[in-house]
C-alpha atoms as a PDB file:
ATOM      1  CA  MET A   1     133.111  -6.639  50.378  1.00  0.00           C
ATOM      2  CA  TRP A   2     133.029  -5.015  46.957  1.00  0.00           C
ATOM      3  CA  PHE A   3     136.001  -5.539  44.661  1.00  0.00           C
ATOM      4  CA  LYS A   4     137.599  -2.242  43.638  1.00  0.00           C
ATOM      5  CA  ASN A   5     139.270  -3.622  40.497  1.00  0.00           C
ATOM      6  CA  LEU A   6     138.515  -6.467  38.117  1.00  0.00           C
ATOM      7  CA  GLN A   7     141.160  -8.593  36.429  1.00  0.00           C
ATOM      8  CA  ILE A   8     138.872 -10.953  34.498  1.00  0.00           C
ATOM      9  CA  TYR A   9     139.650 -14.530  33.464  1.00  0.00           C
ATOM     10  CA  ARG A  10     137.497 -17.053  31.649  1.00  0.00           C
ATOM     11  CA  ILE A  11     137.362 -20.478  33.328  1.00  0.00           C
ATOM     12  CA  THR A  12     138.033 -23.058  30.621  1.00  0.00           C
ATOM     13  CA  ASP A  13     138.185 -26.039  32.978  1.00  0.00           C
ATOM     14  CA  TRP A  14     137.100 -26.362  36.602  1.00  0.00           C
ATOM     15  CA  LYS A  15     136.778 -29.733  38.351  1.00  0.00           C
ATOM     16  CA  ILE A  16     137.275 -28.645  41.984  1.00  0.00           C
ATOM     17  CA  THR A  17     134.472 -28.687  44.533  1.00  0.00           C
ATOM     18  CA  PRO A  18     134.442 -26.100  47.338  1.00  0.00           C
ATOM     19  CA  ALA A  19     135.369 -28.870  49.810  1.00  0.00           C
ATOM     20  CA  GLN A  20     138.328 -29.978  47.685  1.00  0.00           C
ATOM     21  CA  LEU A  21     139.486 -26.390  47.279  1.00  0.00           C
ATOM     22  CA  GLU A  22     139.182 -25.823  51.035  1.00  0.00           C
ATOM     23  CA  GLU A  23     141.404 -28.835  51.688  1.00  0.00           C
ATOM     24  CA  ALA A  24     143.959 -27.727  49.100  1.00  0.00           C
ATOM     25  CA  LEU A  25     144.213 -24.154  50.370  1.00  0.00           C
ATOM     26  CA  SER A  26     144.323 -25.113  54.051  1.00  0.00           C
ATOM     27  CA  ALA A  27     147.400 -27.220  53.277  1.00  0.00           C
ATOM     28  CA  HIS A  28     149.129 -24.061  52.007  1.00  0.00           C
ATOM     29  CA  ALA A  29     148.060 -21.555  54.654  1.00  0.00           C
ATOM     30  CA  LEU A  30     150.054 -18.380  55.174  1.00  0.00           C
ATOM     31  CA  GLN A  31     152.849 -18.767  57.716  1.00  0.00           C
ATOM     32  CA  ASN A  32     154.759 -16.040  59.522  1.00  0.00           C
ATOM     33  CA  CYS A  33     158.050 -15.081  57.916  1.00  0.00           C
ATOM     34  CA  SER A  34     160.932 -16.861  59.544  1.00  0.00           C
ATOM     35  CA  SER A  35     163.739 -14.741  60.930  1.00  0.00           C
ATOM     36  CA  MET A  36     165.693 -15.066  57.658  1.00  0.00           C
ATOM     37  CA  ASP A  37     162.828 -14.772  55.145  1.00  0.00           C
ATOM     38  CA  MET A  38     161.924 -11.547  53.363  1.00  0.00           C
ATOM     39  CA  GLN A  39     158.496 -12.807  52.327  1.00  0.00           C
ATOM     40  CA  SER A  40     155.928 -15.522  52.999  1.00  0.00           C
ATOM     41  CA  ARG A  41     152.888 -16.370  50.837  1.00  0.00           C
ATOM     42  CA  GLY A  42     149.893 -18.537  51.582  1.00  0.00           C
ATOM     43  CA  TRP A  43     146.117 -18.667  51.833  1.00  0.00           C
ATOM     44  CA  VAL A  44     144.079 -16.866  54.466  1.00  0.00           C
ATOM     45  CA  SER A  45     140.396 -16.734  55.263  1.00  0.00           C
ATOM     46  CA  PRO A  46     138.702 -14.058  53.136  1.00  0.00           C
ATOM     47  CA  LYS A  47     136.112 -13.368  55.830  1.00  0.00           C
ATOM     48  CA  GLY A  48     138.240 -13.320  58.967  1.00  0.00           C
ATOM     49  CA  GLU A  49     140.271 -15.235  61.521  1.00  0.00           C
ATOM     50  CA  GLY A  50     138.925 -18.747  62.184  1.00  0.00           C
ATOM     51  CA  GLU A  51     136.684 -18.764  59.097  1.00  0.00           C
ATOM     52  CA  PRO A  52     137.077 -21.198  56.136  1.00  0.00           C
ATOM     53  CA  PHE A  53     139.677 -20.599  53.452  1.00  0.00           C
ATOM     54  CA  VAL A  54     136.905 -20.835  50.841  1.00  0.00           C
ATOM     55  CA  HIS A  55     133.923 -18.606  51.530  1.00  0.00           C
ATOM     56  CA  THR A  56     130.955 -20.095  49.661  1.00  0.00           C
ATOM     57  CA  LEU A  57     127.604 -18.411  49.087  1.00  0.00           C
ATOM     58  CA  ASN A  58     124.997 -19.284  46.431  1.00  0.00           C
ATOM     59  CA  GLN A  59     127.556 -21.436  44.537  1.00  0.00           C
ATOM     60  CA  GLN A  60     129.950 -18.474  44.438  1.00  0.00           C
ATOM     61  CA  MET A  61     133.393 -18.841  46.028  1.00  0.00           C
ATOM     62  CA  LEU A  62     135.736 -16.265  47.504  1.00  0.00           C
ATOM     63  CA  ILE A  63     139.386 -16.945  48.329  1.00  0.00           C
ATOM     64  CA  ALA A  64     142.235 -14.716  49.522  1.00  0.00           C
ATOM     65  CA  LEU A  65     145.991 -14.940  49.103  1.00  0.00           C
ATOM     66  CA  GLY A  66     147.928 -13.517  52.033  1.00  0.00           C
ATOM     67  CA  VAL A  67     151.427 -12.098  51.662  1.00  0.00           C
ATOM     68  CA  GLU A  68     153.667 -11.163  54.580  1.00  0.00           C
ATOM     69  CA  LYS A  69     156.667  -8.996  53.695  1.00  0.00           C
ATOM     70  CA  LYS A  70     159.529  -7.762  55.829  1.00  0.00           C
ATOM     71  CA  LEU A  71     160.117  -4.011  55.730  1.00  0.00           C
ATOM     72  CA  LEU A  72     163.837  -3.553  55.238  1.00  0.00           C
ATOM     73  CA  PRO A  73     164.487  -0.435  53.124  1.00  0.00           C
ATOM     74  CA  SER A  74     167.587  -0.401  50.952  1.00  0.00           C
ATOM     75  CA  THR A  75     168.546   2.965  52.493  1.00  0.00           C
ATOM     76  CA  VAL A  76     168.848   1.291  55.912  1.00  0.00           C
ATOM     77  CA  ILE A  77     170.912  -1.585  54.503  1.00  0.00           C
ATOM     78  CA  ASN A  78     173.192   0.863  52.667  1.00  0.00           C
ATOM     79  CA  GLN A  79     173.614   2.994  55.790  1.00  0.00           C
ATOM     80  CA  TYR A  80     174.743   0.031  57.899  1.00  0.00           C
ATOM     81  CA  THR A  81     176.908  -1.326  55.079  1.00  0.00           C
ATOM     82  CA  LYS A  82     178.665   2.025  54.676  1.00  0.00           C
ATOM     83  CA  ALA A  83     179.404   2.152  58.415  1.00  0.00           C
ATOM     84  CA  ARG A  84     180.806  -1.397  58.378  1.00  0.00           C
ATOM     85  CA  ALA A  85     182.892  -0.595  55.307  1.00  0.00           C
ATOM     86  CA  ALA A  86     184.406   2.398  57.098  1.00  0.00           C
ATOM     87  CA  GLU A  87     185.341   0.166  60.049  1.00  0.00           C
ATOM     88  CA  MET A  88     186.869  -2.390  57.688  1.00  0.00           C
ATOM     89  CA  GLU A  89     188.882   0.302  55.895  1.00  0.00           C
ATOM     90  CA  GLU A  90     190.273   1.544  59.192  1.00  0.00           C
ATOM     91  CA  GLN A  91     191.275  -1.977  60.221  1.00  0.00           C
ATOM     92  CA  GLN A  92     192.864  -3.128  56.954  1.00  0.00           C
ATOM     93  CA  GLY A  93     194.178   0.234  55.740  1.00  0.00           C
ATOM     94  CA  TYR A  94     192.384   0.310  52.376  1.00  0.00           C
ATOM     95  CA  ARG A  95     188.843   0.450  51.066  1.00  0.00           C
ATOM     96  CA  PRO A  96     186.946  -2.800  50.674  1.00  0.00           C
ATOM     97  CA  GLY A  97     186.760  -4.042  47.081  1.00  0.00           C
ATOM     98  CA  ARG A  98     183.618  -4.837  45.109  1.00  0.00           C
ATOM     99  CA  LYS A  99     183.523  -8.466  46.263  1.00  0.00           C
ATOM    100  CA  GLN A 100     184.028  -7.481  49.917  1.00  0.00           C
ATOM    101  CA  MET A 101     181.269  -4.850  49.675  1.00  0.00           C
ATOM    102  CA  LYS A 102     178.876  -7.420  48.212  1.00  0.00           C
ATOM    103  CA  GLU A 103     179.632  -9.880  51.024  1.00  0.00           C
ATOM    104  CA  LEU A 104     179.355  -7.094  53.592  1.00  0.00           C
ATOM    105  CA  LYS A 105     175.942  -6.035  52.276  1.00  0.00           C
ATOM    106  CA  GLU A 106     174.669  -9.623  52.379  1.00  0.00           C
ATOM    107  CA  ALA A 107     175.909 -10.008  55.958  1.00  0.00           C
ATOM    108  CA  VAL A 108     174.222  -6.754  57.029  1.00  0.00           C
ATOM    109  CA  THR A 109     170.950  -7.850  55.402  1.00  0.00           C
ATOM    110  CA  ASP A 110     171.059 -11.194  57.234  1.00  0.00           C
ATOM    111  CA  GLU A 111     171.750  -9.396  60.506  1.00  0.00           C
ATOM    112  CA  LEU A 112     168.899  -6.891  60.105  1.00  0.00           C
ATOM    113  CA  LEU A 113     166.222  -9.286  58.799  1.00  0.00           C
ATOM    114  CA  PRO A 114     165.192 -10.721  62.192  1.00  0.00           C
ATOM    115  CA  ARG A 115     164.628  -7.160  63.460  1.00  0.00           C
ATOM    116  CA  ALA A 116     162.568  -5.981  60.470  1.00  0.00           C
ATOM    117  CA  PHE A 117     158.853  -5.259  60.752  1.00  0.00           C
ATOM    118  CA  ALA A 118     156.460  -7.447  58.773  1.00  0.00           C
ATOM    119  CA  LEU A 119     153.328  -6.256  56.976  1.00  0.00           C
ATOM    120  CA  ARG A 120     150.493  -8.447  55.677  1.00  0.00           C
ATOM    121  CA  SER A 121     148.276  -7.863  52.664  1.00  0.00           C
ATOM    122  CA  LYS A 122     145.418  -9.774  50.994  1.00  0.00           C
ATOM    123  CA  THR A 123     144.479 -10.279  47.360  1.00  0.00           C
ATOM    124  CA  TYR A 124     140.954 -11.587  46.791  1.00  0.00           C
ATOM    125  CA  ALA A 125     139.619 -13.757  43.982  1.00  0.00           C
ATOM    126  CA  TRP A 126     135.979 -14.507  43.163  1.00  0.00           C
ATOM    127  CA  ILE A 127     135.247 -17.850  41.506  1.00  0.00           C
ATOM    128  CA  ASP A 128     131.999 -18.435  39.595  1.00  0.00           C
ATOM    129  CA  PRO A 129     132.200 -21.932  38.082  1.00  0.00           C
ATOM    130  CA  ALA A 130     128.632 -21.812  36.742  1.00  0.00           C
ATOM    131  CA  GLY A 131     129.128 -18.503  34.943  1.00  0.00           C
ATOM    132  CA  GLY A 132     132.706 -19.336  33.985  1.00  0.00           C
ATOM    133  CA  TRP A 133     134.363 -16.344  35.665  1.00  0.00           C
ATOM    134  CA  PHE A 134     137.505 -16.086  37.763  1.00  0.00           C
ATOM    135  CA  VAL A 135     138.009 -12.487  38.861  1.00  0.00           C
ATOM    136  CA  ILE A 136     140.916 -11.076  40.879  1.00  0.00           C
ATOM    137  CA  ASP A 137     140.560  -7.834  42.811  1.00  0.00           C
ATOM    138  CA  THR A 138     143.739  -6.058  41.769  1.00  0.00           C
ATOM    139  CA  SER A 139     144.918  -3.367  39.381  1.00  0.00           C
ATOM    140  CA  ASN A 140     148.411  -4.873  39.421  1.00  0.00           C
ATOM    141  CA  ALA A 141     149.061  -7.618  36.865  1.00  0.00           C
ATOM    142  CA  ALA A 142     152.003  -8.897  38.929  1.00  0.00           C
ATOM    143  CA  LYS A 143     149.711  -9.467  41.948  1.00  0.00           C
ATOM    144  CA  ALA A 144     147.235 -11.343  39.751  1.00  0.00           C
ATOM    145  CA  ASP A 145     150.060 -13.523  38.428  1.00  0.00           C
ATOM    146  CA  GLU A 146     151.242 -14.116  41.994  1.00  0.00           C
ATOM    147  CA  LEU A 147     147.812 -15.339  43.132  1.00  0.00           C
ATOM    148  CA  LEU A 148     147.487 -17.652  40.129  1.00  0.00           C
ATOM    149  CA  GLU A 149     151.016 -18.998  40.627  1.00  0.00           C
ATOM    150  CA  VAL A 150     150.281 -19.940  44.257  1.00  0.00           C
ATOM    151  CA  LEU A 151     146.859 -21.357  43.298  1.00  0.00           C
ATOM    152  CA  HIS A 152     148.405 -23.609  40.654  1.00  0.00           C
ATOM    153  CA  LYS A 153     150.885 -24.872  43.263  1.00  0.00           C
ATOM    154  CA  SER A 154     148.076 -25.472  45.761  1.00  0.00           C
ATOM    155  CA  ALA A 155     145.375 -27.026  43.574  1.00  0.00           C
ATOM    156  CA  GLU A 156     144.937 -28.809  40.269  1.00  0.00           C
ATOM    157  CA  ALA A 157     142.122 -29.574  37.824  1.00  0.00           C
ATOM    158  CA  PHE A 158     141.461 -26.056  36.603  1.00  0.00           C
ATOM    159  CA  ALA A 159     142.455 -23.855  33.673  1.00  0.00           C
ATOM    160  CA  LEU A 160     141.959 -20.135  33.028  1.00  0.00           C
ATOM    161  CA  LYS A 161     142.655 -17.581  30.330  1.00  0.00           C
ATOM    162  CA  LEU A 162     142.491 -13.797  30.298  1.00  0.00           C
ATOM    163  CA  VAL A 163     139.311 -12.478  28.723  1.00  0.00           C
ATOM    164  CA  ARG A 164     139.743 -10.983  25.255  1.00  0.00           C
ATOM    165  CA  THR A 165     137.165  -9.122  23.154  1.00  0.00           C
ATOM    166  CA  ARG A 166     136.645  -8.843  19.399  1.00  0.00           C
ATOM    167  CA  LEU A 167     136.773  -5.065  19.602  1.00  0.00           C
ATOM    168  CA  SER A 168     139.605  -3.462  21.545  1.00  0.00           C
ATOM    169  CA  PRO A 169     138.562  -1.266  24.487  1.00  0.00           C
ATOM    170  CA  THR A 170     140.594   1.588  22.967  1.00  0.00           C
ATOM    171  CA  SER A 171     138.730   1.586  19.663  1.00  0.00           C
ATOM    172  CA  ALA A 172     135.322   1.243  21.360  1.00  0.00           C
ATOM    173  CA  MET A 173     135.951   4.028  23.898  1.00  0.00           C
ATOM    174  CA  THR A 174     137.324   6.332  21.188  1.00  0.00           C
ATOM    175  CA  SER A 175     134.281   5.682  19.026  1.00  0.00           C
ATOM    176  CA  TRP A 176     131.869   6.437  21.892  1.00  0.00           C
ATOM    177  CA  LEU A 177     133.620   9.712  22.690  1.00  0.00           C
ATOM    178  CA  ALA A 178     133.572  10.650  19.001  1.00  0.00           C
ATOM    179  CA  GLY A 179     129.788  10.406  18.970  1.00  0.00           C
ATOM    180  CA  THR A 180     128.858   6.779  18.340  1.00  0.00           C
ATOM    181  CA  ASP A 181     125.953   5.653  20.491  1.00  0.00           C
ATOM    182  CA  VAL A 182     126.989   4.012  23.758  1.00  0.00           C
ATOM    183  CA  PRO A 183     125.342   0.595  24.384  1.00  0.00           C
ATOM    184  CA  PRO A 184     121.993   1.066  26.200  1.00  0.00           C
ATOM    185  CA  ALA A 185     123.122  -0.381  29.553  1.00  0.00           C
ATOM    186  CA  PHE A 186     125.890   2.227  29.926  1.00  0.00           C
ATOM    187  CA  THR A 187     126.356   5.946  30.358  1.00  0.00           C
ATOM    188  CA  ILE A 188     129.600   7.883  30.040  1.00  0.00           C
ATOM    189  CA  ASP A 189     130.736   9.750  33.151  1.00  0.00           C
ATOM    190  CA  ARG A 190     133.174  12.665  33.399  1.00  0.00           C
ATOM    191  CA  ASP A 191     136.693  11.163  33.465  1.00  0.00           C
ATOM    192  CA  CYS A 192     138.780   9.989  30.527  1.00  0.00           C
ATOM    193  CA  GLU A 193     142.310   9.788  29.212  1.00  0.00           C
ATOM    194  CA  LEU A 194     143.305  10.376  25.582  1.00  0.00           C
ATOM    195  CA  ARG A 195     146.730   9.453  24.223  1.00  0.00           C
ATOM    196  CA  ALA A 196     148.404  10.158  20.909  1.00  0.00           C
ATOM    197  CA  THR A 197     149.714   7.229  18.883  1.00  0.00           C
ATOM    198  CA  GLY A 198     153.024   8.924  17.996  1.00  0.00           C
ATOM    199  CA  ASP A 199     156.399   8.307  19.580  1.00  0.00           C
ATOM    200  CA  GLU A 200     155.919  10.967  22.250  1.00  0.00           C
ATOM    201  CA  LYS A 201     152.583   9.458  23.411  1.00  0.00           C
ATOM    202  CA  ALA A 202     151.183  12.903  24.247  1.00  0.00           C
ATOM    203  CA  THR A 203     148.422  12.416  26.841  1.00  0.00           C
ATOM    204  CA  VAL A 204     145.428  14.486  27.895  1.00  0.00           C
ATOM    205  CA  ARG A 205     143.392  13.670  31.025  1.00  0.00           C
ATOM    206  CA  TYR A 206     139.961  14.976  31.901  1.00  0.00           C
ATOM    207  CA  VAL A 207     138.657  14.771  35.462  1.00  0.00           C
ATOM    208  CA  ARG A 208     135.076  15.723  36.364  1.00  0.00           C
ATOM    209  CA  HIS A 209     134.743  17.288  32.933  1.00  0.00           C
ATOM    210  CA  ALA A 210     131.901  17.124  30.406  1.00  0.00           C
ATOM    211  CA  LEU A 211     133.083  14.629  27.792  1.00  0.00           C
ATOM    212  CA  ASP A 212     130.679  15.668  25.048  1.00  0.00           C
ATOM    213  CA  ALA A 213     132.613  18.899  24.461  1.00  0.00           C
ATOM    214  CA  ASP A 214     134.010  19.811  21.037  1.00  0.00           C
ATOM    215  CA  GLU A 215     137.560  19.813  22.406  1.00  0.00           C
ATOM    216  CA  ILE A 216     137.305  16.060  23.073  1.00  0.00           C
ATOM    217  CA  ARG A 217     136.328  15.395  19.462  1.00  0.00           C
ATOM    218  CA  LYS A 218     139.126  17.664  18.243  1.00  0.00           C
ATOM    219  CA  HIS A 219     141.678  15.586  20.158  1.00  0.00           C
ATOM    220  CA  ILE A 220     140.260  12.446  18.551  1.00  0.00           C
ATOM    221  CA  GLU A 221     140.308  14.025  15.078  1.00  0.00           C
ATOM    222  CA  ALA A 222     143.970  14.901  15.729  1.00  0.00           C
ATOM    223  CA  GLY A 223     144.722  11.206  16.240  1.00  0.00           C
ATOM    224  CA  LYS A 224     144.410  10.668  19.967  1.00  0.00           C
ATOM    225  CA  GLU A 225     142.746   7.497  21.275  1.00  0.00           C
ATOM    226  CA  ALA A 226     140.882   6.831  24.503  1.00  0.00           C
ATOM    227  CA  THR A 227     142.833   4.690  26.971  1.00  0.00           C
ATOM    228  CA  LYS A 228     140.580   5.185  30.034  1.00  0.00           C
ATOM    229  CA  LEU A 229     136.899   6.029  30.294  1.00  0.00           C
ATOM    230  CA  ALA A 230     134.693   6.408  33.371  1.00  0.00           C
ATOM    231  CA  MET A 231     131.277   4.793  32.914  1.00  0.00           C
ATOM    232  CA  THR A 232     128.164   3.755  34.824  1.00  0.00           C
ATOM    233  CA  TRP A 233     126.279   0.519  34.252  1.00  0.00           C
ATOM    234  CA  GLY A 234     122.541   0.264  34.810  1.00  0.00           C
ATOM    235  CA  ASP A 235     122.557   3.231  37.203  1.00  0.00           C
ATOM    236  CA  LYS A 236     123.962   0.788  39.759  1.00  0.00           C
ATOM    237  CA  VAL A 237     127.732   0.417  39.361  1.00  0.00           C
ATOM    238  CA  SER A 238     130.368   2.946  38.273  1.00  0.00           C
ATOM    239  CA  PHE A 239     133.813   1.966  36.980  1.00  0.00           C
ATOM    240  CA  VAL A 240     136.695   3.027  34.745  1.00  0.00           C
ATOM    241  CA  LEU A 241     137.347   0.910  31.661  1.00  0.00           C
ATOM    242  CA  HIS A 242     141.037   0.683  30.713  1.00  0.00           C
ATOM    243  CA  GLU A 243     142.690  -0.116  27.406  1.00  0.00           C
ATOM    244  CA  ASN A 244     143.905  -3.500  28.734  1.00  0.00           C
ATOM    245  CA  MET A 245     140.332  -4.664  29.542  1.00  0.00           C
ATOM    246  CA  GLN A 246     140.736  -4.027  33.260  1.00  0.00           C
ATOM    247  CA  LEU A 247     137.848  -2.465  35.137  1.00  0.00           C
ATOM    248  CA  LYS A 248     139.049  -0.187  37.935  1.00  0.00           C
ATOM    249  CA  ARG A 249     137.507   2.077  40.586  1.00  0.00           C
ATOM    250  CA  ILE A 250     134.479  -0.199  40.874  1.00  0.00           C
ATOM    251  CA  ALA A 251     131.872   1.445  43.104  1.00  0.00           C
ATOM    252  CA  PRO A 252     128.292   0.426  43.893  1.00  0.00           C
ATOM    253  CA  LEU A 253     125.883   3.336  43.699  1.00  0.00           C
ATOM    254  CA  ASP A 254     123.364   4.283  46.380  1.00  0.00           C
ATOM    255  CA  ILE A 255     120.659   1.829  45.326  1.00  0.00           C
ATOM    256  CA  LEU A 256     122.989  -1.124  45.968  1.00  0.00           C
ATOM    257  CA  LYS A 257     124.564   0.359  49.100  1.00  0.00           C
ATOM    258  CA  GLU A 258     121.142   0.668  50.691  1.00  0.00           C
ATOM    259  CA  GLN A 259     120.408  -3.008  50.003  1.00  0.00           C
ATOM    260  CA  GLY A 260     123.638  -4.073  51.711  1.00  0.00           C
ATOM    261  CA  GLU A 261     123.188  -1.818  54.726  1.00  0.00           C
ATOM    262  CA  ALA A 262     119.840  -3.413  55.547  1.00  0.00           C
ATOM    263  CA  ALA A 263     121.362  -6.890  56.052  1.00  0.00           C
ATOM    264  CA  GLU A 264     122.506  -8.450  59.347  1.00  0.00           C
ATOM    265  CA  ASP A 265     125.694  -9.940  57.856  1.00  0.00           C
ATOM    266  CA  MET A 266     127.227  -7.103  55.824  1.00  0.00           C
ATOM    267  CA  PHE A 267     130.027  -9.275  54.462  1.00  0.00           C
ATOM    268  CA  ASP A 268     127.710 -11.937  53.047  1.00  0.00           C
ATOM    269  CA  SER A 269     125.204  -9.353  51.864  1.00  0.00           C
ATOM    270  CA  ASP A 270     127.837  -7.347  49.981  1.00  0.00           C
ATOM    271  CA  PHE A 271     129.324 -10.519  48.502  1.00  0.00           C
ATOM    272  CA  ALA A 272     125.903 -11.723  47.314  1.00  0.00           C
ATOM    273  CA  ILE A 273     124.981  -8.351  45.815  1.00  0.00           C
ATOM    274  CA  MET A 274     128.415  -7.887  44.226  1.00  0.00           C
ATOM    275  CA  THR A 275     128.536 -11.297  42.571  1.00  0.00           C
ATOM    276  CA  GLY A 276     124.926 -10.994  41.472  1.00  0.00           C
ATOM    277  CA  GLU A 277     125.544  -7.647  39.777  1.00  0.00           C
ATOM    278  CA  LEU A 278     128.974  -8.429  38.333  1.00  0.00           C
ATOM    279  CA  ALA A 279     127.622 -11.630  36.795  1.00  0.00           C
ATOM    280  CA  TYR A 280     125.548  -9.332  34.524  1.00  0.00           C
ATOM    281  CA  LEU A 281     127.943  -6.395  34.279  1.00  0.00           C
ATOM    282  CA  ILE A 282     130.850  -8.427  32.888  1.00  0.00           C
ATOM    283  CA  PRO A 283     128.873  -9.955  29.963  1.00  0.00           C
ATOM    284  CA  ASP A 284     127.409  -6.520  29.184  1.00  0.00           C
ATOM    285  CA  VAL A 285     130.908  -5.013  29.014  1.00  0.00           C
ATOM    286  CA  LEU A 286     132.069  -7.834  26.737  1.00  0.00           C
ATOM    287  CA  ASN A 287     129.037  -7.389  24.473  1.00  0.00           C
ATOM    288  CA  ALA A 288     129.708  -3.645  24.306  1.00  0.00           C
ATOM    289  CA  LEU A 289     133.183  -4.549  23.032  1.00  0.00           C
ATOM    290  CA  GLY A 290     131.921  -6.778  20.254  1.00  0.00           C
ATOM    291  CA  GLY A 291     131.629  -9.951  22.278  1.00  0.00           C
ATOM    292  CA  GLU A 292     134.180 -12.329  23.748  1.00  0.00           C
ATOM    293  CA  ASP A 293     136.995 -13.468  21.480  1.00  0.00           C
ATOM    294  CA  ILE A 294     137.181 -17.218  22.078  1.00  0.00           C
ATOM    295  CA  THR A 295     139.882 -17.970  19.489  1.00  0.00           C
END
């Protein structure tokens, strides 16, 4: 149950108990798409069918937004529309105009929707009211916005803001690669991305490559800046820090995996270990970037 990506928000106001949140989310549970809907959104149990909508453990909460989408590719719609247009041309003796084609495409879409397959996906969010963190497991800003939009419609009495730091991740990562000491809790791994600041945005990526090489420093001296940097925290968690303050490719290392594997309930064990470690990792990352900007 480890998050793979961290979109981090600071809780500025939270007046919802787990019981109140459970009631609010259960009133907006995910429903199957109707025959004429392309998409349905709602809350699902993060742990599994029949479990609560709010999974609570050691004052930590886990919620999950479910999205069901119909699979109706535009190529299929266009194929059917083209066939119908050919039939219409044969009947009326001339090609359908722009307005007719638009109406024809809408009619084809309505006809095909009930026969389309539906796929479901989940987006998880971890809520730590005591520590003041709200973290969404996604690398996609649009998915994070979607979860927050549905949460605001489902519940009230809370406020969040994206975490900002006094030092930009780009300047800090560039400085570390140029030779400045990395904060003690961290080590630099072997992946990074460097990008020029000019109009062309020339980019160099290193994968499984020693990052203390002279060629890295030469790129920096030439004006390139670090936009991604693979790091390890406390010999326990590896991740990639991005220029927009997202942490991606989160992975627990062997010492934490072994702790989780020894438990009877793997889901709860992983959730407890993850939240326990991330509650320290996140502040350490912010401190490495000059501290949290609260302005």
